[in-house]
């Protein structure tokens, strides 16, 4: 039998925690596993999930925890995690995605940058598109 919507404040608390508090994310997931799919609109269509929060802040451990609990992988998480094959596959099929913005308007290349050394190849790949654009102007 379907349940009602998740508590808005609980979703908010979960997504805020996903910016850097692994223990709180794990605790809340245990309390309410459905939070893994929760999203919040911070205003004006600025939608964010817990995976989105972990991705733009470079929190590998939180991102991996969320994915292990069924979070839906997206290009922003793949970029931060250094999953070049995933990023390439999406961009090859949808080239405009190189300009996509994630939560808070953060660009795809900034997500790769948040991944540091683990995402250096993704960062270089994305940079090659942006460099071509600058050279062409």
Protein backbone atom coordinates (compact mmCIF):
# COMPACT_ATOMS: atom_id res chain seq x y z
CA UNK A 1 0.00 0.00 0.00
CA UNK A 2 1.48 3.40 -1.01
CA UNK A 3 2.42 5.80 1.75
CA UNK A 4 2.04 9.54 1.73
CA UNK A 5 4.81 11.97 0.86
CA UNK A 6 7.94 12.20 2.96
CA UNK A 7 8.06 14.85 5.63
CA UNK A 8 9.46 18.02 4.03
CA UNK A 9 11.58 18.94 7.05
CA UNK A 10 13.08 15.46 7.19
CA UNK A 11 13.99 15.64 3.49
CA UNK A 12 15.54 19.07 4.07
CA UNK A 13 17.53 17.79 7.06
CA UNK A 14 18.75 14.81 5.02
CA UNK A 15 19.89 16.91 2.06
CA UNK A 16 21.63 19.44 4.29
CA UNK A 17 23.45 16.56 6.02
CA UNK A 18 24.49 15.14 2.64
CA UNK A 19 26.69 18.19 2.12
CA UNK A 20 29.17 16.68 4.58
CA UNK A 21 27.80 14.75 7.58
CA UNK A 22 28.21 11.05 6.78
CA UNK A 23 27.03 9.81 10.17
CA UNK A 24 23.84 11.86 10.01
CA UNK A 25 23.11 10.69 6.45
CA UNK A 26 23.58 7.06 7.54
CA UNK A 27 21.37 7.58 10.60
CA UNK A 28 18.59 9.20 8.60
CA UNK A 29 18.77 6.54 5.88
CA UNK A 30 18.35 3.88 8.53
CA UNK A 31 15.36 5.78 9.96
CA UNK A 32 13.73 6.37 6.56
CA UNK A 33 15.28 4.55 3.55
CA UNK A 34 13.01 6.40 1.10
CA UNK A 35 14.96 9.59 1.78
CA UNK A 36 17.52 8.38 -0.74
CA UNK A 37 15.10 9.58 -3.47
CA UNK A 38 14.02 12.79 -1.77
CA UNK A 39 14.56 16.14 -3.45
CA UNK A 40 13.95 19.68 -2.38
CA UNK A 41 13.38 22.91 -4.28
CA UNK A 42 15.41 25.60 -2.53
CA UNK A 43 13.53 28.17 -4.61
CA UNK A 44 13.15 29.17 -8.24
CA UNK A 45 13.57 25.60 -9.43
CA UNK A 46 16.88 24.99 -7.63
CA UNK A 47 16.23 21.28 -7.08
CA UNK A 48 18.70 19.23 -5.06
CA UNK A 49 18.92 15.62 -3.93
CA UNK A 50 21.26 14.21 -1.32
CA UNK A 51 23.40 12.76 -4.12
CA UNK A 52 23.48 16.19 -5.74
CA UNK A 53 24.65 17.72 -2.46
CA UNK A 54 27.39 15.13 -1.99
CA UNK A 55 28.46 15.54 -5.61
CA UNK A 56 29.00 19.28 -5.71
CA UNK A 57 30.82 19.22 -2.37
CA UNK A 58 33.12 16.34 -3.34
CA UNK A 59 31.93 13.94 -0.63
CA UNK A 60 32.87 10.56 -2.07
CA UNK A 61 31.89 8.54 0.98
CA UNK A 62 28.42 10.07 1.17
CA UNK A 63 27.88 9.69 -2.58
CA UNK A 64 28.91 6.02 -2.46
CA UNK A 65 26.66 5.40 0.56
CA UNK A 66 23.71 6.92 -1.26
CA UNK A 67 24.39 4.95 -4.44
CA UNK A 68 24.66 1.75 -2.40
CA UNK A 69 21.18 2.54 -1.04
CA UNK A 70 19.65 3.02 -4.48
CA UNK A 71 20.22 6.70 -5.29
CA UNK A 72 19.84 7.40 -8.99
CA UNK A 73 23.23 7.99 -10.61
CA UNK A 74 23.43 11.16 -12.67
CA UNK A 75 26.12 12.87 -14.72
CA UNK A 76 27.03 15.24 -11.88
CA UNK A 77 27.76 12.39 -9.47
CA UNK A 78 29.61 10.50 -12.22
CA UNK A 79 31.76 13.57 -12.90
CA UNK A 80 32.68 14.02 -9.23
CA UNK A 81 33.38 10.31 -8.78
CA UNK A 82 35.67 10.29 -11.83
CA UNK A 83 33.51 7.92 -13.87
CA UNK A 84 34.75 9.08 -17.25
CA UNK A 85 32.99 6.36 -19.26
CA UNK A 86 29.61 7.39 -17.85
CA UNK A 87 30.24 11.08 -18.51
CA UNK A 88 31.51 10.39 -22.04
CA UNK A 89 28.54 8.17 -22.90
CA UNK A 90 26.06 10.84 -21.89
CA UNK A 91 27.88 13.70 -23.61
CA UNK A 92 28.43 11.71 -26.81
CA UNK A 93 24.67 11.11 -27.00
CA UNK A 94 23.63 14.52 -25.65
CA UNK A 95 26.46 17.03 -26.34
CA UNK A 96 24.54 19.93 -24.80
CA UNK A 97 24.93 18.24 -21.42
CA UNK A 98 28.47 19.61 -21.17
CA UNK A 99 26.77 22.92 -20.27
CA UNK A 100 24.28 21.42 -17.81
CA UNK A 101 23.87 23.01 -14.40
CA UNK A 102 23.31 21.02 -11.23
CA UNK A 103 22.01 22.17 -7.86
CA UNK A 104 22.61 25.85 -7.11
CA UNK A 105 23.55 26.39 -10.77
CA UNK A 106 26.89 24.63 -10.30
CA UNK A 107 28.36 23.56 -13.63
CA UNK A 108 29.28 20.04 -14.61
CA UNK A 109 32.98 20.88 -14.78
CA UNK A 110 32.87 22.24 -11.20
CA UNK A 111 31.48 18.87 -10.08
CA UNK A 112 34.50 17.20 -11.69
CA UNK A 113 36.74 19.75 -10.00
CA UNK A 114 35.17 18.84 -6.65
CA UNK A 115 36.30 15.26 -7.28
CA UNK A 116 39.94 16.31 -7.15
CA UNK A 117 42.55 13.83 -8.33
CA UNK A 118 39.98 11.03 -8.64
CA UNK A 119 38.15 13.04 -11.30
CA UNK A 120 41.09 14.65 -13.10
CA UNK A 121 40.39 12.77 -16.35
CA UNK A 122 36.75 13.87 -16.30
CA UNK A 123 37.86 17.45 -15.63
CA UNK A 124 40.31 17.32 -18.57
CA UNK A 125 37.67 15.79 -20.85
CA UNK A 126 35.13 18.50 -19.99
CA UNK A 127 37.80 21.20 -20.27
CA UNK A 128 38.52 20.12 -23.84
CA UNK A 129 34.97 21.09 -24.85
CA UNK A 130 35.13 24.43 -23.10
CA UNK A 131 38.61 25.17 -24.50
CA UNK A 132 37.39 24.58 -28.08
CA UNK A 133 34.61 27.06 -27.51
CA UNK A 134 37.00 29.75 -26.23
CA UNK A 135 39.46 29.15 -29.11
CA UNK A 136 36.64 29.42 -31.64
CA UNK A 137 35.61 32.90 -30.47
